[in-house]
């Protein structure tokens, strides 16, 4: 049997093992009760770097990875508005939204009609409300997904990828996706890291059934998020593109 065939079988078995998803449900219902629980968050590099920083399950040290490969089990908007210009730190935004429809906090309410969610409301042509998208990515052999807060400069590439998959009848939680980073430069000449998405393969029927349960569990988790969950460990951001400029000192 070829090495390629062996690899495909191993990957299929890895995701299909999630069929016993009661383990995930019980862990979140019992072991996480009363805890400020959150999934590990991937960090994007500053200055146009091309490696992700992923928390390690084995130690307090993070791991650097050139790509993230897994199933995007769920994704949703992640809007954040700060009354005072955000310069890093652990302060939650004054207003946040997890559906792109309704903001929670001040000013709160209808996102579509909010003046802070209009281009030109911020410096240059930017928005005062920082529009991102939260991706929950399940990697092979893991029960809990990792999260990636996708910055504004990567939303177009993500949108195009979603469109390309839907045009082929594929939902994101039915395919394995590979995410890499490339160096991009904004109109002001500031370099930032831009996510690139590529299709790896379809999940098998067994894998799709297993992953579907995880998607529902993560969706229920996301429904209970508060604006405090939108705190970025990102630093200063470019006023034009809202991208990372430099790490916090």
C-alpha atoms as a PDB file:
ATOM      1  CA  UNK A   1       0.000   0.000   0.000  1.00  0.00           C
ATOM      2  CA  UNK A   2       1.383   3.443  -0.912  1.00  0.00           C
ATOM      3  CA  UNK A   3       2.442   5.995   1.679  1.00  0.00           C
ATOM      4  CA  UNK A   4      -0.257   8.335   0.355  1.00  0.00           C
ATOM      5  CA  UNK A   5      -2.931   5.695   0.946  1.00  0.00           C
ATOM      6  CA  UNK A   6      -1.659   5.061   4.461  1.00  0.00           C
ATOM      7  CA  UNK A   7      -1.760   8.789   5.199  1.00  0.00           C
ATOM      8  CA  UNK A   8      -5.334   9.130   3.948  1.00  0.00           C
ATOM      9  CA  UNK A   9      -6.516   6.258   6.131  1.00  0.00           C
ATOM     10  CA  UNK A  10      -4.776   7.702   9.190  1.00  0.00           C
ATOM     11  CA  UNK A  11      -6.362  11.100   8.673  1.00  0.00           C
ATOM     12  CA  UNK A  12      -9.801   9.625   8.109  1.00  0.00           C
ATOM     13  CA  UNK A  13      -9.567   7.574  11.279  1.00  0.00           C
ATOM     14  CA  UNK A  14      -8.429  10.647  13.199  1.00  0.00           C
ATOM     15  CA  UNK A  15     -11.547  12.705  12.479  1.00  0.00           C
ATOM     16  CA  UNK A  16     -13.910   9.723  12.522  1.00  0.00           C
ATOM     17  CA  UNK A  17     -12.797   9.022  16.096  1.00  0.00           C
ATOM     18  CA  UNK A  18     -14.844  12.060  17.093  1.00  0.00           C
ATOM     19  CA  UNK A  19     -17.938   9.918  16.704  1.00  0.00           C
ATOM     20  CA  UNK A  20     -17.656   9.495  20.473  1.00  0.00           C
ATOM     21  CA  UNK A  21     -18.434  13.202  20.845  1.00  0.00           C
ATOM     22  CA  UNK A  22     -20.178  12.634  24.186  1.00  0.00           C
ATOM     23  CA  UNK A  23     -16.691  13.042  25.661  1.00  0.00           C
ATOM     24  CA  UNK A  24     -16.594  16.645  24.424  1.00  0.00           C
ATOM     25  CA  UNK A  25     -20.128  17.412  25.569  1.00  0.00           C
ATOM     26  CA  UNK A  26     -19.552  15.936  29.034  1.00  0.00           C
ATOM     27  CA  UNK A  27     -16.223  17.715  29.425  1.00  0.00           C
ATOM     28  CA  UNK A  28     -17.773  21.075  28.682  1.00  0.00           C
ATOM     29  CA  UNK A  29     -20.868  20.409  30.810  1.00  0.00           C
ATOM     30  CA  UNK A  30     -19.102  18.957  33.858  1.00  0.00           C
ATOM     31  CA  UNK A  31     -15.394  19.721  34.029  1.00  0.00           C
ATOM     32  CA  UNK A  32     -15.836  23.279  32.767  1.00  0.00           C
ATOM     33  CA  UNK A  33     -18.806  24.198  34.930  1.00  0.00           C
ATOM     34  CA  UNK A  34     -18.169  27.467  36.742  1.00  0.00           C
ATOM     35  CA  UNK A  35     -14.891  28.056  34.897  1.00  0.00           C
ATOM     36  CA  UNK A  36     -14.063  30.931  32.568  1.00  0.00           C
ATOM     37  CA  UNK A  37     -13.592  28.438  29.780  1.00  0.00           C
ATOM     38  CA  UNK A  38     -12.233  29.326  26.387  1.00  0.00           C
ATOM     39  CA  UNK A  39     -10.593  27.523  23.521  1.00  0.00           C
ATOM     40  CA  UNK A  40      -6.898  28.096  22.878  1.00  0.00           C
ATOM     41  CA  UNK A  41      -6.375  31.109  20.634  1.00  0.00           C
ATOM     42  CA  UNK A  42      -3.875  31.234  17.818  1.00  0.00           C
ATOM     43  CA  UNK A  43      -1.770  34.394  17.623  1.00  0.00           C
ATOM     44  CA  UNK A  44      -0.845  36.119  14.391  1.00  0.00           C
ATOM     45  CA  UNK A  45       2.683  37.475  14.051  1.00  0.00           C
ATOM     46  CA  UNK A  46       3.519  41.144  13.737  1.00  0.00           C
ATOM     47  CA  UNK A  47       5.232  42.803  10.795  1.00  0.00           C
ATOM     48  CA  UNK A  48       4.064  40.373   8.129  1.00  0.00           C
ATOM     49  CA  UNK A  49       5.441  37.197   9.690  1.00  0.00           C
ATOM     50  CA  UNK A  50       4.387  33.883   8.146  1.00  0.00           C
ATOM     51  CA  UNK A  51       4.206  31.566  11.163  1.00  0.00           C
ATOM     52  CA  UNK A  52       1.305  31.110  13.587  1.00  0.00           C
ATOM     53  CA  UNK A  53       1.870  30.993  17.336  1.00  0.00           C
ATOM     54  CA  UNK A  54      -0.184  28.141  18.779  1.00  0.00           C
ATOM     55  CA  UNK A  55      -0.508  27.374  22.511  1.00  0.00           C
ATOM     56  CA  UNK A  56       1.067  24.056  23.416  1.00  0.00           C
ATOM     57  CA  UNK A  57      -0.947  21.426  25.251  1.00  0.00           C
ATOM     58  CA  UNK A  58       2.254  20.037  26.747  1.00  0.00           C
ATOM     59  CA  UNK A  59       3.776  23.200  28.249  1.00  0.00           C
ATOM     60  CA  UNK A  60       3.378  26.925  28.781  1.00  0.00           C
ATOM     61  CA  UNK A  61       5.451  27.552  25.691  1.00  0.00           C
ATOM     62  CA  UNK A  62       3.802  28.269  22.354  1.00  0.00           C
ATOM     63  CA  UNK A  63       4.578  26.412  19.169  1.00  0.00           C
ATOM     64  CA  UNK A  64       5.342  28.118  15.873  1.00  0.00           C
ATOM     65  CA  UNK A  65       3.591  26.622  12.849  1.00  0.00           C
ATOM     66  CA  UNK A  66       3.725  27.528   9.175  1.00  0.00           C
ATOM     67  CA  UNK A  67       0.183  26.293   8.653  1.00  0.00           C
ATOM     68  CA  UNK A  68      -2.969  25.219  10.448  1.00  0.00           C
ATOM     69  CA  UNK A  69      -4.760  22.259   8.901  1.00  0.00           C
ATOM     70  CA  UNK A  70      -8.142  21.119  10.136  1.00  0.00           C
ATOM     71  CA  UNK A  71     -11.892  21.512   9.854  1.00  0.00           C
ATOM     72  CA  UNK A  72     -13.453  24.936  10.389  1.00  0.00           C
ATOM     73  CA  UNK A  73     -16.314  23.598  12.502  1.00  0.00           C
ATOM     74  CA  UNK A  74     -17.891  27.006  13.073  1.00  0.00           C
ATOM     75  CA  UNK A  75     -17.252  30.678  12.374  1.00  0.00           C
ATOM     76  CA  UNK A  76     -18.991  33.942  13.188  1.00  0.00           C
ATOM     77  CA  UNK A  77     -18.429  37.720  13.135  1.00  0.00           C
ATOM     78  CA  UNK A  78     -16.425  39.272  15.949  1.00  0.00           C
ATOM     79  CA  UNK A  79     -17.041  43.022  16.031  1.00  0.00           C
ATOM     80  CA  UNK A  80     -15.395  45.179  18.678  1.00  0.00           C
ATOM     81  CA  UNK A  81     -15.756  48.905  19.326  1.00  0.00           C
ATOM     82  CA  UNK A  82     -13.589  50.843  21.768  1.00  0.00           C
ATOM     83  CA  UNK A  83     -14.677  54.335  22.767  1.00  0.00           C
ATOM     84  CA  UNK A  84     -11.042  55.219  23.437  1.00  0.00           C
ATOM     85  CA  UNK A  85      -8.512  54.189  20.817  1.00  0.00           C
ATOM     86  CA  UNK A  86      -7.394  50.633  21.505  1.00  0.00           C
ATOM     87  CA  UNK A  87      -3.657  50.376  22.154  1.00  0.00           C
ATOM     88  CA  UNK A  88      -3.465  46.839  23.497  1.00  0.00           C
ATOM     89  CA  UNK A  89      -4.066  45.370  26.935  1.00  0.00           C
ATOM     90  CA  UNK A  90      -6.803  43.337  28.562  1.00  0.00           C
ATOM     91  CA  UNK A  91      -9.664  45.821  28.554  1.00  0.00           C
ATOM     92  CA  UNK A  92     -12.844  44.474  26.954  1.00  0.00           C
ATOM     93  CA  UNK A  93     -14.405  46.559  24.180  1.00  0.00           C
ATOM     94  CA  UNK A  94     -17.236  48.950  25.011  1.00  0.00           C
ATOM     95  CA  UNK A  95     -19.419  47.135  22.479  1.00  0.00           C
ATOM     96  CA  UNK A  96     -19.124  43.777  20.764  1.00  0.00           C
ATOM     97  CA  UNK A  97     -21.129  41.605  18.396  1.00  0.00           C
ATOM     98  CA  UNK A  98     -20.921  37.893  17.643  1.00  0.00           C
ATOM     99  CA  UNK A  99     -23.466  37.802  14.841  1.00  0.00           C
ATOM    100  CA  UNK A 100     -22.765  41.041  12.987  1.00  0.00           C
ATOM    101  CA  UNK A 101     -26.381  42.032  13.625  1.00  0.00           C
ATOM    102  CA  UNK A 102     -26.694  43.148  17.253  1.00  0.00           C
ATOM    103  CA  UNK A 103     -24.074  44.841  19.385  1.00  0.00           C
ATOM    104  CA  UNK A 104     -23.783  44.170  23.113  1.00  0.00           C
ATOM    105  CA  UNK A 105     -22.668  47.047  25.303  1.00  0.00           C
ATOM    106  CA  UNK A 106     -22.396  50.751  24.501  1.00  0.00           C
ATOM    107  CA  UNK A 107     -23.741  51.891  22.083  1.00  0.00           C
ATOM    108  CA  UNK A 108     -25.165  48.409  21.384  1.00  0.00           C
ATOM    109  CA  UNK A 109     -28.139  47.738  19.156  1.00  0.00           C
ATOM    110  CA  UNK A 110     -28.358  47.388  15.386  1.00  0.00           C
ATOM    111  CA  UNK A 111     -24.902  46.950  13.825  1.00  0.00           C
ATOM    112  CA  UNK A 112     -26.068  47.831  10.306  1.00  0.00           C
ATOM    113  CA  UNK A 113     -27.293  51.240  11.434  1.00  0.00           C
ATOM    114  CA  UNK A 114     -24.438  51.976  13.828  1.00  0.00           C
ATOM    115  CA  UNK A 115     -22.361  55.017  12.782  1.00  0.00           C
ATOM    116  CA  UNK A 116     -19.242  53.383  14.219  1.00  0.00           C
ATOM    117  CA  UNK A 117     -19.653  50.464  11.785  1.00  0.00           C
ATOM    118  CA  UNK A 118     -19.408  52.706   8.726  1.00  0.00           C
ATOM    119  CA  UNK A 119     -16.334  53.133   6.562  1.00  0.00           C
ATOM    120  CA  UNK A 120     -14.870  56.558   7.208  1.00  0.00           C
ATOM    121  CA  UNK A 121     -15.955  56.651  10.857  1.00  0.00           C
ATOM    122  CA  UNK A 122     -12.386  55.955  11.915  1.00  0.00           C
ATOM    123  CA  UNK A 123      -9.069  57.347  10.766  1.00  0.00           C
ATOM    124  CA  UNK A 124      -8.754  57.452   7.011  1.00  0.00           C
ATOM    125  CA  UNK A 125     -11.457  55.219   5.548  1.00  0.00           C
ATOM    126  CA  UNK A 126     -11.447  52.706   8.386  1.00  0.00           C
ATOM    127  CA  UNK A 127     -14.291  51.793  10.720  1.00  0.00           C
ATOM    128  CA  UNK A 128     -14.232  52.675  14.392  1.00  0.00           C
ATOM    129  CA  UNK A 129     -15.800  49.254  14.971  1.00  0.00           C
ATOM    130  CA  UNK A 130     -13.176  46.594  14.359  1.00  0.00           C
ATOM    131  CA  UNK A 131     -14.664  43.886  12.126  1.00  0.00           C
ATOM    132  CA  UNK A 132     -13.117  40.449  12.429  1.00  0.00           C
ATOM    133  CA  UNK A 133     -14.260  36.863  12.142  1.00  0.00           C
ATOM    134  CA  UNK A 134     -13.748  34.110  14.693  1.00  0.00           C
ATOM    135  CA  UNK A 135     -12.826  30.709  13.268  1.00  0.00           C
ATOM    136  CA  UNK A 136     -13.003  27.496  15.314  1.00  0.00           C
ATOM    137  CA  UNK A 137     -10.611  24.987  13.795  1.00  0.00           C
ATOM    138  CA  UNK A 138     -10.577  21.331  14.780  1.00  0.00           C
ATOM    139  CA  UNK A 139      -7.304  19.590  14.053  1.00  0.00           C
ATOM    140  CA  UNK A 140      -6.915  15.876  13.595  1.00  0.00           C
ATOM    141  CA  UNK A 141      -6.693  13.879  16.817  1.00  0.00           C
ATOM    142  CA  UNK A 142      -7.981  16.697  19.039  1.00  0.00           C
ATOM    143  CA  UNK A 143     -11.335  17.070  20.805  1.00  0.00           C
ATOM    144  CA  UNK A 144     -11.242  20.832  21.318  1.00  0.00           C
ATOM    145  CA  UNK A 145     -10.894  23.297  18.462  1.00  0.00           C
ATOM    146  CA  UNK A 146      -8.469  26.184  18.470  1.00  0.00           C
ATOM    147  CA  UNK A 147      -9.659  29.674  17.597  1.00  0.00           C
ATOM    148  CA  UNK A 148      -8.288  32.151  15.100  1.00  0.00           C
ATOM    149  CA  UNK A 149      -9.430  35.762  15.230  1.00  0.00           C
ATOM    150  CA  UNK A 150      -9.257  36.641  11.573  1.00  0.00           C
ATOM    151  CA  UNK A 151      -8.274  40.305  11.063  1.00  0.00           C
ATOM    152  CA  UNK A 152      -9.899  42.705   8.636  1.00  0.00           C
ATOM    153  CA  UNK A 153      -7.154  42.327   6.041  1.00  0.00           C
ATOM    154  CA  UNK A 154      -7.877  38.602   5.730  1.00  0.00           C
ATOM    155  CA  UNK A 155     -11.665  38.776   5.456  1.00  0.00           C
ATOM    156  CA  UNK A 156     -11.663  39.072   1.666  1.00  0.00           C
ATOM    157  CA  UNK A 157      -9.538  35.951   1.200  1.00  0.00           C
ATOM    158  CA  UNK A 158     -11.754  34.052   3.634  1.00  0.00           C
ATOM    159  CA  UNK A 159     -14.895  35.238   1.863  1.00  0.00           C
ATOM    160  CA  UNK A 160     -13.503  34.109  -1.490  1.00  0.00           C
ATOM    161  CA  UNK A 161     -12.595  30.720  -0.058  1.00  0.00           C
ATOM    162  CA  UNK A 162     -16.066  30.231   1.423  1.00  0.00           C
ATOM    163  CA  UNK A 163     -17.598  31.209  -1.918  1.00  0.00           C
ATOM    164  CA  UNK A 164     -15.396  28.757  -3.804  1.00  0.00           C
ATOM    165  CA  UNK A 165     -16.381  25.894  -1.504  1.00  0.00           C
ATOM    166  CA  UNK A 166     -20.090  26.693  -1.535  1.00  0.00           C
ATOM    167  CA  UNK A 167     -20.035  26.891  -5.338  1.00  0.00           C
ATOM    168  CA  UNK A 168     -18.895  23.252  -5.299  1.00  0.00           C
ATOM    169  CA  UNK A 169     -21.544  22.239  -2.789  1.00  0.00           C
ATOM    170  CA  UNK A 170     -19.108  22.038   0.130  1.00  0.00           C
ATOM    171  CA  UNK A 171     -19.734  23.412   3.615  1.00  0.00           C
ATOM    172  CA  UNK A 172     -16.724  24.432   5.667  1.00  0.00           C
ATOM    173  CA  UNK A 173     -17.404  21.807   8.332  1.00  0.00           C
ATOM    174  CA  UNK A 174     -17.354  19.110   5.638  1.00  0.00           C
ATOM    175  CA  UNK A 175     -13.846  19.766   4.345  1.00  0.00           C
ATOM    176  CA  UNK A 176     -10.284  19.882   5.608  1.00  0.00           C
ATOM    177  CA  UNK A 177      -8.838  23.353   5.142  1.00  0.00           C
ATOM    178  CA  UNK A 178      -5.227  24.473   5.204  1.00  0.00           C
ATOM    179  CA  UNK A 179      -4.474  28.004   6.407  1.00  0.00           C
ATOM    180  CA  UNK A 180      -1.130  29.688   5.775  1.00  0.00           C
ATOM    181  CA  UNK A 181       0.127  33.250   6.055  1.00  0.00           C
ATOM    182  CA  UNK A 182       1.656  35.589   3.525  1.00  0.00           C
ATOM    183  CA  UNK A 183       3.216  38.991   3.942  1.00  0.00           C
ATOM    184  CA  UNK A 184       1.056  41.823   2.629  1.00  0.00           C
ATOM    185  CA  UNK A 185       1.427  45.595   2.669  1.00  0.00           C
ATOM    186  CA  UNK A 186      -1.273  48.187   3.134  1.00  0.00           C
ATOM    187  CA  UNK A 187      -1.623  51.518   1.355  1.00  0.00           C
ATOM    188  CA  UNK A 188       0.583  53.160   3.969  1.00  0.00           C
ATOM    189  CA  UNK A 189       3.403  50.686   3.319  1.00  0.00           C
ATOM    190  CA  UNK A 190       2.920  48.850   6.609  1.00  0.00           C
ATOM    191  CA  UNK A 191       3.460  45.086   6.425  1.00  0.00           C
ATOM    192  CA  UNK A 192       0.938  42.718   7.983  1.00  0.00           C
ATOM    193  CA  UNK A 193       0.160  38.983   7.942  1.00  0.00           C
ATOM    194  CA  UNK A 194      -2.650  37.905   5.645  1.00  0.00           C
ATOM    195  CA  UNK A 195      -4.305  34.491   5.906  1.00  0.00           C
ATOM    196  CA  UNK A 196      -4.491  32.263   2.838  1.00  0.00           C
ATOM    197  CA  UNK A 197      -6.999  29.394   2.638  1.00  0.00           C
ATOM    198  CA  UNK A 198      -6.788  26.248   0.533  1.00  0.00           C
ATOM    199  CA  UNK A 199      -8.888  23.107   0.169  1.00  0.00           C
ATOM    200  CA  UNK A 200      -7.207  19.859   1.235  1.00  0.00           C
ATOM    201  CA  UNK A 201      -9.875  17.183   0.946  1.00  0.00           C
ATOM    202  CA  UNK A 202     -13.485  16.232   1.650  1.00  0.00           C
ATOM    203  CA  UNK A 203     -14.337  14.480   4.886  1.00  0.00           C
ATOM    204  CA  UNK A 204     -15.691  10.970   4.650  1.00  0.00           C
ATOM    205  CA  UNK A 205     -19.320  10.312   5.577  1.00  0.00           C
ATOM    206  CA  UNK A 206     -18.210   8.960   8.969  1.00  0.00           C
ATOM    207  CA  UNK A 207     -16.091  12.046   9.616  1.00  0.00           C
ATOM    208  CA  UNK A 208     -18.858  14.433   8.604  1.00  0.00           C
ATOM    209  CA  UNK A 209     -21.250  12.821  11.061  1.00  0.00           C
ATOM    210  CA  UNK A 210     -18.687  13.053  13.845  1.00  0.00           C
ATOM    211  CA  UNK A 211     -17.673  16.651  13.116  1.00  0.00           C
ATOM    212  CA  UNK A 212     -21.310  17.796  12.854  1.00  0.00           C
ATOM    213  CA  UNK A 213     -21.779  17.130  16.558  1.00  0.00           C
ATOM    214  CA  UNK A 214     -18.702  19.181  17.422  1.00  0.00           C
ATOM    215  CA  UNK A 215     -20.009  22.038  15.266  1.00  0.00           C
ATOM    216  CA  UNK A 216     -23.253  22.129  17.234  1.00  0.00           C
ATOM    217  CA  UNK A 217     -21.417  22.063  20.563  1.00  0.00           C
ATOM    218  CA  UNK A 218     -19.122  24.909  19.540  1.00  0.00           C
ATOM    219  CA  UNK A 219     -22.065  26.900  18.188  1.00  0.00           C
ATOM    220  CA  UNK A 220     -23.787  26.602  21.576  1.00  0.00           C
ATOM    221  CA  UNK A 221     -20.588  27.715  23.307  1.00  0.00           C
ATOM    222  CA  UNK A 222     -20.260  30.762  21.026  1.00  0.00           C
ATOM    223  CA  UNK A 223     -23.849  31.778  21.768  1.00  0.00           C
ATOM    224  CA  UNK A 224     -22.833  32.530  25.369  1.00  0.00           C
ATOM    225  CA  UNK A 225     -19.823  34.714  24.602  1.00  0.00           C
ATOM    226  CA  UNK A 226     -19.617  38.226  26.034  1.00  0.00           C
ATOM    227  CA  UNK A 227     -17.640  41.278  24.808  1.00  0.00           C
ATOM    228  CA  UNK A 228     -14.877  40.279  27.237  1.00  0.00           C
ATOM    229  CA  UNK A 229     -14.223  37.340  24.908  1.00  0.00           C
ATOM    230  CA  UNK A 230     -13.217  39.810  22.199  1.00  0.00           C
ATOM    231  CA  UNK A 231     -10.156  41.045  24.069  1.00  0.00           C
ATOM    232  CA  UNK A 232      -7.227  40.714  21.726  1.00  0.00           C
ATOM    233  CA  UNK A 233      -3.732  39.945  22.822  1.00  0.00           C
ATOM    234  CA  UNK A 234      -2.921  42.049  19.797  1.00  0.00           C
ATOM    235  CA  UNK A 235      -1.056  45.310  20.214  1.00  0.00           C
ATOM    236  CA  UNK A 236      -1.176  48.558  18.356  1.00  0.00           C
ATOM    237  CA  UNK A 237      -3.151  48.477  15.144  1.00  0.00           C
ATOM    238  CA  UNK A 238      -2.828  50.422  11.951  1.00  0.00           C
ATOM    239  CA  UNK A 239      -5.568  53.090  11.857  1.00  0.00           C
ATOM    240  CA  UNK A 240      -6.202  52.492   8.163  1.00  0.00           C
ATOM    241  CA  UNK A 241      -6.477  48.709   7.946  1.00  0.00           C
ATOM    242  CA  UNK A 242      -6.789  47.867  11.657  1.00  0.00           C
ATOM    243  CA  UNK A 243      -3.946  45.371  11.237  1.00  0.00           C
ATOM    244  CA  UNK A 244      -1.177  44.565  13.713  1.00  0.00           C
ATOM    245  CA  UNK A 245       1.770  46.945  13.611  1.00  0.00           C
ATOM    246  CA  UNK A 246       3.955  45.843  16.514  1.00  0.00           C
ATOM    247  CA  UNK A 247       3.778  43.675  19.616  1.00  0.00           C
ATOM    248  CA  UNK A 248       3.078  45.112  23.037  1.00  0.00           C
ATOM    249  CA  UNK A 249       6.166  46.119  24.948  1.00  0.00           C
END
